[in-house]
Amino acid sequence: MNQYKRDAFQQCMPPTVGCQPSPGPAANLPPVPILYCYRSESLLRGTVSPENLRKSVLGRAPHNVEVARRTPTDISRRATISGPYTDAQFTVYDPGLGACGITNVPSDFVVALDSDQYGSGYPGPNCFLSITIQVGNTTAIAQITEECPSCPLYGLQLTPGLFEVFAALEVGVLYGTWWVN
């Protein structure tokens, strides 16, 4: 293994931030296998010639389209809630096509999340998260599939089937705790 390849391999393993190969005359060297570069979350696969290494590390080479498509917005759209949220208000709603882009029926164990926590964009960053809801000693697991503009902060709207796990529909409003699984 020549010096350039060995240095590039050593600097890129284990994954580090800002990994760069050693400088060298690019014209005389064969392609270098790159394992991890630039960000630990960006696994670059394949072989990159030394003259294109900088482009590939920055995600600009055509064969690294996956890295090129990532933007700071993608990172900020990750789940932003965790809990536990106590004394949260739970009401019932009639489901249908939700803000997360799927259609639900009354028997599904899904919820609508308050707009502040739902976040921006459709689908929102917290769509499809699995949550546990607890009212008294009863718990149930549900999935976030809808936004609730009328809910208070930390409030949820539950489908009729899910609400009936805790109380009769006639009760109308419950208070309890919920958290992300």
N, C-alpha and C. Protein backbone atom coordinates (compact mmCIF):
# COMPACT_ATOMS: atom_id res chain seq x y z
N MET A 1 0.87 -1.17 0.00
CA MET A 1 0.00 0.00 0.00
C MET A 1 0.90 1.22 0.00
N ASN A 2 0.67 2.13 -0.96
CA ASN A 2 1.54 3.31 -1.00
C ASN A 2 1.19 4.27 0.14
N GLN A 3 2.07 5.25 0.36
CA GLN A 3 1.92 6.17 1.48
C GLN A 3 0.58 6.92 1.43
N TYR A 4 0.19 7.37 0.25
CA TYR A 4 -1.06 8.13 0.11
C TYR A 4 -2.26 7.30 0.54
N LYS A 5 -2.34 6.07 0.04
CA LYS A 5 -3.47 5.21 0.37
C LYS A 5 -3.48 4.87 1.87
N ARG A 6 -2.31 4.56 2.43
CA ARG A 6 -2.24 4.21 3.84
C ARG A 6 -2.69 5.39 4.71
N ASP A 7 -2.19 6.60 4.39
CA ASP A 7 -2.56 7.78 5.17
C ASP A 7 -4.06 8.07 5.06
N ALA A 8 -4.61 7.94 3.86
CA ALA A 8 -6.03 8.20 3.67
C ALA A 8 -6.85 7.21 4.47
N PHE A 9 -6.44 5.94 4.47
CA PHE A 9 -7.16 4.91 5.21
C PHE A 9 -7.08 5.18 6.70
N GLN A 10 -5.89 5.49 7.20
CA GLN A 10 -5.72 5.71 8.64
C GLN A 10 -6.49 6.94 9.11
N GLN A 11 -6.51 7.99 8.29
CA GLN A 11 -7.20 9.20 8.71
C GLN A 11 -8.72 9.05 8.65
N CYS A 12 -9.21 8.13 7.85
CA CYS A 12 -10.65 7.98 7.71
C CYS A 12 -11.22 6.88 8.57
N MET A 13 -10.40 6.16 9.31
CA MET A 13 -10.89 5.12 10.20
C MET A 13 -10.34 5.39 11.59
N PRO A 14 -11.06 5.46 12.65
CA PRO A 14 -12.52 5.38 12.70
C PRO A 14 -13.14 6.65 12.13
N PRO A 15 -14.46 6.68 11.91
CA PRO A 15 -15.11 7.84 11.33
C PRO A 15 -14.82 9.09 12.15
N THR A 16 -14.44 10.14 11.47
CA THR A 16 -14.15 11.40 12.14
C THR A 16 -14.77 12.54 11.35
N VAL A 17 -14.83 13.70 11.97
CA VAL A 17 -15.33 14.88 11.28
C VAL A 17 -14.15 15.54 10.59
N GLY A 18 -14.31 15.95 9.34
CA GLY A 18 -13.28 16.67 8.61
C GLY A 18 -12.15 15.80 8.11
N CYS A 19 -12.37 14.53 7.91
CA CYS A 19 -11.33 13.63 7.45
C CYS A 19 -10.83 14.05 6.07
N GLN A 20 -9.54 14.20 5.92
CA GLN A 20 -8.93 14.57 4.64
C GLN A 20 -7.71 13.68 4.42
N PRO A 21 -7.43 13.26 3.17
CA PRO A 21 -6.22 12.48 2.91
C PRO A 21 -5.00 13.38 2.96
N SER A 22 -3.81 12.76 3.08
CA SER A 22 -2.59 13.54 3.05
C SER A 22 -2.39 14.14 1.67
N PRO A 23 -1.79 15.31 1.60
CA PRO A 23 -1.52 15.90 0.30
C PRO A 23 -0.49 15.07 -0.45
N GLY A 24 -0.56 15.08 -1.73
CA GLY A 24 0.41 14.36 -2.55
C GLY A 24 0.15 14.64 -4.00
N PRO A 25 1.08 14.26 -4.87
CA PRO A 25 0.90 14.50 -6.30
C PRO A 25 -0.20 13.59 -6.83
N ALA A 26 -1.37 14.14 -7.08
CA ALA A 26 -2.53 13.35 -7.47
C ALA A 26 -2.36 12.65 -8.81
N ALA A 27 -1.62 13.22 -9.73
CA ALA A 27 -1.52 12.66 -11.07
C ALA A 27 -0.88 11.28 -11.11
N ASN A 28 0.02 10.97 -10.17
CA ASN A 28 0.77 9.71 -10.21
C ASN A 28 0.16 8.61 -9.36
N LEU A 29 -0.99 8.83 -8.76
CA LEU A 29 -1.53 7.86 -7.82
C LEU A 29 -2.78 7.17 -8.36
N PRO A 30 -2.95 5.90 -8.00
CA PRO A 30 -4.16 5.18 -8.40
C PRO A 30 -5.35 5.65 -7.56
N PRO A 31 -6.57 5.25 -7.93
CA PRO A 31 -7.74 5.61 -7.12
C PRO A 31 -7.59 5.13 -5.68
N VAL A 32 -8.17 5.88 -4.76
CA VAL A 32 -8.06 5.58 -3.33
C VAL A 32 -9.41 5.10 -2.81
N PRO A 33 -9.45 3.94 -2.12
CA PRO A 33 -10.73 3.54 -1.53
C PRO A 33 -11.02 4.40 -0.30
N ILE A 34 -12.17 5.03 -0.29
CA ILE A 34 -12.55 5.90 0.82
C ILE A 34 -13.60 5.18 1.65
N LEU A 35 -13.37 5.07 2.94
CA LEU A 35 -14.32 4.38 3.80
C LEU A 35 -15.26 5.34 4.49
N TYR A 36 -14.73 6.30 5.24
CA TYR A 36 -15.55 7.30 5.89
C TYR A 36 -14.86 8.64 5.68
N CYS A 37 -15.63 9.65 5.34
CA CYS A 37 -15.01 10.96 5.20
C CYS A 37 -15.99 12.08 5.48
N TYR A 38 -15.46 13.18 5.89
CA TYR A 38 -16.10 14.44 6.16
C TYR A 38 -17.03 14.41 7.35
N ARG A 39 -18.06 13.59 7.37
CA ARG A 39 -18.93 13.49 8.53
C ARG A 39 -19.06 12.03 8.89
N SER A 40 -19.11 11.73 10.17
CA SER A 40 -19.25 10.34 10.58
C SER A 40 -20.57 9.75 10.10
N GLU A 41 -21.59 10.58 9.86
CA GLU A 41 -22.87 10.06 9.41
C GLU A 41 -22.93 9.86 7.90
N SER A 42 -21.89 10.30 7.18
CA SER A 42 -21.89 10.20 5.72
C SER A 42 -20.92 9.12 5.29
N LEU A 43 -21.40 7.96 5.02
CA LEU A 43 -20.57 6.87 4.55
C LEU A 43 -20.44 6.98 3.05
N LEU A 44 -19.22 7.22 2.59
CA LEU A 44 -18.98 7.32 1.16
C LEU A 44 -18.47 5.98 0.67
N ARG A 45 -19.17 5.38 -0.26
CA ARG A 45 -18.78 4.07 -0.76
C ARG A 45 -18.14 4.22 -2.13
N GLY A 46 -17.34 3.24 -2.46
CA GLY A 46 -16.75 3.21 -3.79
C GLY A 46 -15.33 3.70 -3.78
N THR A 47 -14.84 3.98 -4.96
CA THR A 47 -13.47 4.42 -5.14
C THR A 47 -13.48 5.81 -5.73
N VAL A 48 -12.65 6.68 -5.19
CA VAL A 48 -12.58 8.06 -5.62
C VAL A 48 -11.15 8.34 -6.04
N SER A 49 -10.97 8.91 -7.22
CA SER A 49 -9.62 9.25 -7.64
C SER A 49 -9.13 10.42 -6.80
N PRO A 50 -7.81 10.52 -6.57
CA PRO A 50 -7.28 11.58 -5.71
C PRO A 50 -7.68 12.98 -6.16
N GLU A 51 -7.72 13.22 -7.47
CA GLU A 51 -8.06 14.57 -7.93
C GLU A 51 -9.52 14.93 -7.67
N ASN A 52 -10.38 13.92 -7.50
CA ASN A 52 -11.79 14.18 -7.20
C ASN A 52 -12.13 13.99 -5.73
N LEU A 53 -11.12 13.69 -4.92
CA LEU A 53 -11.38 13.39 -3.52
C LEU A 53 -12.06 14.55 -2.81
N ARG A 54 -11.54 15.75 -3.00
CA ARG A 54 -12.14 16.91 -2.33
C ARG A 54 -13.60 17.08 -2.74
N LYS A 55 -13.89 16.93 -4.03
CA LYS A 55 -15.28 17.05 -4.49
C LYS A 55 -16.15 15.99 -3.83
N SER A 56 -15.64 14.78 -3.75
CA SER A 56 -16.45 13.70 -3.18
C SER A 56 -16.68 13.91 -1.69
N VAL A 57 -15.68 14.40 -0.99
CA VAL A 57 -15.82 14.63 0.44
C VAL A 57 -16.88 15.70 0.70
N LEU A 58 -16.96 16.68 -0.17
CA LEU A 58 -17.95 17.74 -0.01
C LEU A 58 -19.30 17.36 -0.58
N GLY A 59 -19.40 16.16 -1.15
CA GLY A 59 -20.68 15.71 -1.66
C GLY A 59 -21.03 16.26 -3.02
N ARG A 60 -20.02 16.70 -3.77
CA ARG A 60 -20.30 17.31 -5.07
C ARG A 60 -20.03 16.38 -6.24
N ALA A 61 -19.42 15.26 -6.01
CA ALA A 61 -19.14 14.33 -7.11
C ALA A 61 -20.43 13.63 -7.51
N PRO A 62 -20.62 13.36 -8.81
CA PRO A 62 -21.88 12.78 -9.26
C PRO A 62 -22.19 11.42 -8.66
N HIS A 63 -21.19 10.63 -8.28
CA HIS A 63 -21.46 9.31 -7.74
C HIS A 63 -21.79 9.35 -6.25
N ASN A 64 -21.79 10.52 -5.65
CA ASN A 64 -22.13 10.66 -4.24
C ASN A 64 -23.41 11.48 -4.07
N VAL A 65 -24.40 11.15 -4.87
CA VAL A 65 -25.65 11.90 -4.87
C VAL A 65 -26.31 11.87 -3.49
N GLU A 66 -26.20 10.75 -2.77
CA GLU A 66 -26.83 10.64 -1.45
C GLU A 66 -26.31 11.72 -0.51
N VAL A 67 -25.01 11.95 -0.50
CA VAL A 67 -24.42 12.97 0.37
C VAL A 67 -24.80 14.36 -0.13
N ALA A 68 -24.81 14.54 -1.45
CA ALA A 68 -25.11 15.86 -2.01
C ALA A 68 -26.52 16.31 -1.67
N ARG A 69 -27.46 15.37 -1.53
CA ARG A 69 -28.84 15.74 -1.26
C ARG A 69 -29.07 16.15 0.19
N ARG A 70 -28.18 15.83 1.08
CA ARG A 70 -28.38 16.18 2.49
C ARG A 70 -28.18 17.67 2.69
N THR A 71 -29.05 18.26 3.47
CA THR A 71 -28.95 19.68 3.76
C THR A 71 -29.14 19.88 5.26
N PRO A 72 -28.78 21.05 5.78
CA PRO A 72 -29.02 21.30 7.21
C PRO A 72 -30.49 21.16 7.58
N THR A 73 -31.39 21.44 6.64
CA THR A 73 -32.82 21.30 6.90
C THR A 73 -33.17 19.85 7.21
N ASP A 74 -32.55 18.90 6.50
CA ASP A 74 -32.82 17.49 6.75
C ASP A 74 -32.50 17.13 8.20
N ILE A 75 -31.39 17.63 8.69
CA ILE A 75 -30.97 17.32 10.06
C ILE A 75 -31.94 17.94 11.06
N SER A 76 -32.38 19.18 10.80
CA SER A 76 -33.28 19.85 11.74
C SER A 76 -34.68 19.25 11.73
N ARG A 77 -35.02 18.46 10.69
CA ARG A 77 -36.35 17.87 10.61
C ARG A 77 -36.45 16.55 11.37
N ARG A 78 -35.38 16.14 12.01
CA ARG A 78 -35.46 14.92 12.82
C ARG A 78 -36.41 15.13 13.99
N ALA A 79 -36.81 14.07 14.60
CA ALA A 79 -37.75 14.15 15.72
C ALA A 79 -37.28 15.15 16.76
N THR A 80 -38.22 15.96 17.25
CA THR A 80 -37.86 17.04 18.17
C THR A 80 -38.56 16.93 19.52
N ILE A 81 -39.21 15.81 19.79
CA ILE A 81 -39.93 15.65 21.05
C ILE A 81 -39.46 14.39 21.76
N SER A 82 -39.68 14.32 23.06
CA SER A 82 -39.32 13.10 23.79
C SER A 82 -40.27 12.83 24.95
N GLY A 83 -40.46 13.80 25.83
CA GLY A 83 -41.34 13.61 26.98
C GLY A 83 -40.56 13.10 28.17
N PRO A 84 -41.20 12.72 29.25
CA PRO A 84 -42.65 12.59 29.39
C PRO A 84 -43.34 13.95 29.55
N TYR A 85 -44.54 14.02 29.02
CA TYR A 85 -45.37 15.21 29.12
C TYR A 85 -46.53 14.86 30.05
N THR A 86 -46.54 15.49 31.22
CA THR A 86 -47.55 15.17 32.24
C THR A 86 -48.71 16.16 32.18
N ASP A 87 -49.84 15.76 32.71
CA ASP A 87 -51.06 16.58 32.70
C ASP A 87 -51.43 17.05 31.30
N ALA A 88 -51.15 16.22 30.31
CA ALA A 88 -51.50 16.54 28.93
C ALA A 88 -52.98 16.29 28.70
N GLN A 89 -53.58 17.11 27.87
CA GLN A 89 -55.01 16.98 27.56
C GLN A 89 -55.19 16.03 26.38
N PHE A 90 -56.11 15.08 26.53
CA PHE A 90 -56.44 14.13 25.46
C PHE A 90 -57.92 14.27 25.11
N THR A 91 -58.19 14.52 23.85
CA THR A 91 -59.56 14.58 23.35
C THR A 91 -59.70 13.57 22.22
N VAL A 92 -60.90 13.43 21.70
CA VAL A 92 -61.15 12.46 20.63
C VAL A 92 -61.38 13.21 19.31
N TYR A 93 -60.97 12.60 18.20
CA TYR A 93 -61.21 13.18 16.88
C TYR A 93 -61.56 12.08 15.89
N ASP A 94 -62.16 12.49 14.79
CA ASP A 94 -62.54 11.56 13.73
C ASP A 94 -61.42 11.57 12.69
N PRO A 95 -60.66 10.49 12.58
CA PRO A 95 -59.51 10.48 11.68
C PRO A 95 -59.91 10.36 10.21
N GLY A 96 -58.96 10.60 9.38
CA GLY A 96 -59.10 10.50 7.92
C GLY A 96 -57.71 10.63 7.35
N LEU A 97 -57.58 11.39 6.26
CA LEU A 97 -56.26 11.65 5.69
C LEU A 97 -55.55 12.64 6.61
N GLY A 98 -54.45 12.23 7.21
CA GLY A 98 -53.74 13.06 8.17
C GLY A 98 -52.62 13.88 7.55
N ALA A 99 -52.11 14.81 8.33
CA ALA A 99 -51.03 15.69 7.88
C ALA A 99 -49.75 14.92 7.57
N CYS A 100 -49.61 13.73 8.10
CA CYS A 100 -48.43 12.91 7.82
C CYS A 100 -48.56 12.16 6.49
N GLY A 101 -49.73 12.29 5.84
CA GLY A 101 -49.89 11.74 4.51
C GLY A 101 -50.51 10.36 4.40
N ILE A 102 -51.02 9.82 5.50
CA ILE A 102 -51.69 8.52 5.43
C ILE A 102 -53.12 8.65 5.94
N THR A 103 -53.97 7.75 5.48
CA THR A 103 -55.37 7.75 5.89
C THR A 103 -55.56 6.75 7.02
N ASN A 104 -56.24 7.19 8.07
CA ASN A 104 -56.51 6.34 9.23
C ASN A 104 -58.01 6.16 9.41
N VAL A 105 -58.36 5.12 10.16
CA VAL A 105 -59.76 4.82 10.48
C VAL A 105 -59.94 4.92 11.99
N PRO A 106 -61.19 5.03 12.48
CA PRO A 106 -61.44 5.22 13.91
C PRO A 106 -60.84 4.16 14.83
N SER A 107 -60.65 2.95 14.34
CA SER A 107 -60.10 1.89 15.20
C SER A 107 -58.57 1.90 15.29
N ASP A 108 -57.89 2.71 14.46
CA ASP A 108 -56.42 2.78 14.51
C ASP A 108 -55.96 3.45 15.80
N PHE A 109 -54.85 3.01 16.32
CA PHE A 109 -54.26 3.63 17.50
C PHE A 109 -53.27 4.70 17.03
N VAL A 110 -53.83 5.84 16.62
CA VAL A 110 -53.03 6.97 16.14
C VAL A 110 -53.51 8.24 16.84
N VAL A 111 -52.65 9.26 16.81
CA VAL A 111 -52.97 10.52 17.47
C VAL A 111 -52.63 11.70 16.57
N ALA A 112 -53.26 12.84 16.91
CA ALA A 112 -52.92 14.13 16.31
C ALA A 112 -52.14 14.90 17.37
N LEU A 113 -51.00 15.42 16.98
CA LEU A 113 -50.09 16.13 17.88
C LEU A 113 -50.32 17.64 17.77
N ASP A 114 -50.23 18.36 18.89
CA ASP A 114 -50.43 19.81 18.86
C ASP A 114 -49.48 20.46 17.85
N SER A 115 -49.93 21.56 17.25
CA SER A 115 -49.19 22.20 16.16
C SER A 115 -47.78 22.64 16.54
N ASP A 116 -47.60 23.13 17.76
CA ASP A 116 -46.27 23.57 18.18
C ASP A 116 -45.28 22.41 18.16
N GLN A 117 -45.69 21.26 18.60
CA GLN A 117 -44.81 20.10 18.61
C GLN A 117 -44.76 19.40 17.26
N TYR A 118 -45.85 19.51 16.49
CA TYR A 118 -45.87 18.87 15.17
C TYR A 118 -44.73 19.39 14.32
N GLY A 119 -44.46 20.69 14.38
CA GLY A 119 -43.36 21.26 13.61
C GLY A 119 -43.83 21.73 12.24
N SER A 120 -42.87 22.14 11.44
CA SER A 120 -43.20 22.67 10.12
C SER A 120 -42.99 21.62 9.05
N GLY A 121 -43.68 21.81 7.95
CA GLY A 121 -43.56 20.91 6.82
C GLY A 121 -44.54 19.76 6.89
N TYR A 122 -44.77 19.18 5.75
CA TYR A 122 -45.68 18.04 5.65
C TYR A 122 -45.01 16.96 4.83
N PRO A 123 -44.72 15.82 5.38
CA PRO A 123 -45.00 15.44 6.76
C PRO A 123 -44.06 16.15 7.73
N GLY A 124 -44.51 16.32 8.96
CA GLY A 124 -43.73 16.99 9.99
C GLY A 124 -42.60 16.11 10.51
N PRO A 125 -41.66 16.69 11.25
CA PRO A 125 -40.51 15.95 11.74
C PRO A 125 -40.85 14.86 12.76
N ASN A 126 -42.04 14.92 13.35
CA ASN A 126 -42.41 13.92 14.35
C ASN A 126 -43.43 12.91 13.85
N CYS A 127 -43.72 12.95 12.56
CA CYS A 127 -44.65 11.97 11.98
C CYS A 127 -44.14 10.55 12.18
N PHE A 128 -45.06 9.69 12.49
CA PHE A 128 -44.85 8.25 12.61
C PHE A 128 -44.04 7.82 13.84
N LEU A 129 -43.81 8.75 14.77
CA LEU A 129 -43.16 8.35 16.01
C LEU A 129 -44.12 7.50 16.82
N SER A 130 -43.58 6.50 17.49
CA SER A 130 -44.36 5.67 18.39
C SER A 130 -44.33 6.32 19.77
N ILE A 131 -45.50 6.44 20.37
CA ILE A 131 -45.59 7.04 21.70
C ILE A 131 -46.37 6.12 22.63
N THR A 132 -46.15 6.31 23.93
CA THR A 132 -46.94 5.61 24.94
C THR A 132 -47.79 6.65 25.65
N ILE A 133 -49.07 6.34 25.81
CA ILE A 133 -50.02 7.22 26.49
C ILE A 133 -50.45 6.51 27.77
N GLN A 134 -50.46 7.27 28.88
CA GLN A 134 -50.87 6.70 30.16
C GLN A 134 -51.93 7.59 30.80
N VAL A 135 -53.04 6.97 31.14
CA VAL A 135 -54.11 7.63 31.90
C VAL A 135 -54.38 6.73 33.09
N GLY A 136 -54.08 7.24 34.29
CA GLY A 136 -54.19 6.40 35.49
C GLY A 136 -53.21 5.24 35.38
N ASN A 137 -53.70 4.02 35.56
CA ASN A 137 -52.84 2.84 35.45
C ASN A 137 -52.92 2.16 34.09
N THR A 138 -53.62 2.77 33.15
CA THR A 138 -53.80 2.18 31.82
C THR A 138 -52.85 2.84 30.82
N THR A 139 -52.18 2.02 30.03
CA THR A 139 -51.29 2.55 28.99
C THR A 139 -51.65 1.95 27.64
N ALA A 140 -51.32 2.67 26.60
CA ALA A 140 -51.51 2.20 25.22
C ALA A 140 -50.41 2.82 24.36
N ILE A 141 -50.06 2.12 23.31
CA ILE A 141 -49.05 2.60 22.37
C ILE A 141 -49.77 3.07 21.11
N ALA A 142 -49.36 4.23 20.61
CA ALA A 142 -49.98 4.81 19.42
C ALA A 142 -48.90 5.43 18.54
N GLN A 143 -49.33 5.92 17.39
CA GLN A 143 -48.41 6.53 16.43
C GLN A 143 -48.92 7.92 16.07
N ILE A 144 -48.01 8.87 15.92
CA ILE A 144 -48.37 10.23 15.51
C ILE A 144 -48.56 10.25 14.00
N THR A 145 -49.78 10.62 13.55
CA THR A 145 -50.04 10.67 12.11
C THR A 145 -50.79 11.94 11.69
N GLU A 146 -51.01 12.85 12.61
CA GLU A 146 -51.83 14.02 12.30
C GLU A 146 -51.40 15.21 13.14
N GLU A 147 -51.72 16.41 12.67
CA GLU A 147 -51.48 17.65 13.40
C GLU A 147 -52.80 18.13 14.00
N CYS A 148 -52.73 18.70 15.20
CA CYS A 148 -53.93 19.21 15.87
C CYS A 148 -53.77 20.71 16.15
N PRO A 149 -54.28 21.57 15.27
CA PRO A 149 -54.15 23.02 15.47
C PRO A 149 -54.88 23.53 16.71
N SER A 150 -55.94 22.85 17.14
CA SER A 150 -56.72 23.33 18.29
C SER A 150 -56.25 22.77 19.63
N CYS A 151 -55.27 21.88 19.62
CA CYS A 151 -54.79 21.28 20.87
C CYS A 151 -53.87 22.22 21.63
N PRO A 152 -53.94 22.21 22.96
CA PRO A 152 -52.97 22.97 23.75
C PRO A 152 -51.60 22.30 23.65
N LEU A 153 -50.57 23.01 24.07
CA LEU A 153 -49.22 22.46 24.05
C LEU A 153 -49.19 21.13 24.80
N TYR A 154 -48.61 20.12 24.21
CA TYR A 154 -48.50 18.74 24.71
C TYR A 154 -49.81 17.97 24.62
N GLY A 155 -50.87 18.61 24.12
CA GLY A 155 -52.16 17.93 23.99
C GLY A 155 -52.19 17.01 22.78
N LEU A 156 -53.02 15.99 22.87
CA LEU A 156 -53.18 15.03 21.78
C LEU A 156 -54.67 14.83 21.51
N GLN A 157 -54.98 14.55 20.26
CA GLN A 157 -56.30 14.07 19.91
C GLN A 157 -56.15 12.59 19.59
N LEU A 158 -57.01 11.77 20.16
CA LEU A 158 -56.96 10.32 19.99
C LEU A 158 -58.11 9.86 19.11
N THR A 159 -57.89 8.81 18.36
CA THR A 159 -58.98 8.21 17.59
C THR A 159 -59.98 7.61 18.57
N PRO A 160 -61.23 7.41 18.14
CA PRO A 160 -62.22 6.82 19.04
C PRO A 160 -61.77 5.48 19.63
N GLY A 161 -61.19 4.61 18.81
CA GLY A 161 -60.75 3.31 19.31
C GLY A 161 -59.69 3.43 20.39
N LEU A 162 -58.78 4.36 20.23
CA LEU A 162 -57.73 4.57 21.23
C LEU A 162 -58.30 5.23 22.48
N PHE A 163 -59.17 6.22 22.31
CA PHE A 163 -59.77 6.91 23.45
C PHE A 163 -60.52 5.93 24.34
N GLU A 164 -61.24 4.98 23.72
CA GLU A 164 -62.04 4.02 24.48
C GLU A 164 -61.21 3.03 25.30
N VAL A 165 -59.91 2.97 25.05
CA VAL A 165 -59.04 2.17 25.92
C VAL A 165 -59.03 2.77 27.32
N PHE A 166 -59.17 4.09 27.40
CA PHE A 166 -59.07 4.80 28.67
C PHE A 166 -60.42 5.15 29.29
N ALA A 167 -61.40 5.48 28.45
CA ALA A 167 -62.72 5.91 28.96
C ALA A 167 -63.74 5.86 27.83
N ALA A 168 -65.01 5.99 28.20
CA ALA A 168 -66.08 6.06 27.20
C ALA A 168 -65.97 7.37 26.43
N LEU A 169 -66.39 7.36 25.18
CA LEU A 169 -66.30 8.57 24.35
C LEU A 169 -67.05 9.75 24.96
N GLU A 170 -68.12 9.46 25.70
CA GLU A 170 -68.93 10.52 26.30
C GLU A 170 -68.14 11.37 27.30
N VAL A 171 -67.06 10.83 27.85
CA VAL A 171 -66.23 11.58 28.80
C VAL A 171 -65.67 12.82 28.12
N GLY A 172 -65.27 12.70 26.87
CA GLY A 172 -64.84 13.84 26.07
C GLY A 172 -63.41 14.31 26.25
N VAL A 173 -62.96 14.51 27.49
CA VAL A 173 -61.61 15.02 27.75
C VAL A 173 -60.97 14.20 28.86
N LEU A 174 -59.73 13.80 28.63
CA LEU A 174 -58.94 13.08 29.65
C LEU A 174 -57.64 13.83 29.87
N TYR A 175 -56.99 13.56 30.99
CA TYR A 175 -55.67 14.12 31.26
C TYR A 175 -54.76 12.98 31.66
N GLY A 176 -53.54 13.03 31.16
CA GLY A 176 -52.59 11.97 31.47
C GLY A 176 -51.19 12.34 31.04
N THR A 177 -50.39 11.33 30.85
CA THR A 177 -48.98 11.49 30.51
C THR A 177 -48.70 10.74 29.21
N TRP A 178 -47.77 11.28 28.41
CA TRP A 178 -47.33 10.56 27.22
C TRP A 178 -45.86 10.84 26.97
N TRP A 179 -45.23 9.92 26.26
CA TRP A 179 -43.81 10.05 25.93
C TRP A 179 -43.51 9.28 24.65
N VAL A 180 -42.38 9.63 24.05
CA VAL A 180 -41.93 8.95 22.83
C VAL A 180 -41.22 7.67 23.22
N ASN A 181 -41.54 6.59 22.53
CA ASN A 181 -40.90 5.29 22.81
C ASN A 181 -39.48 5.25 22.27
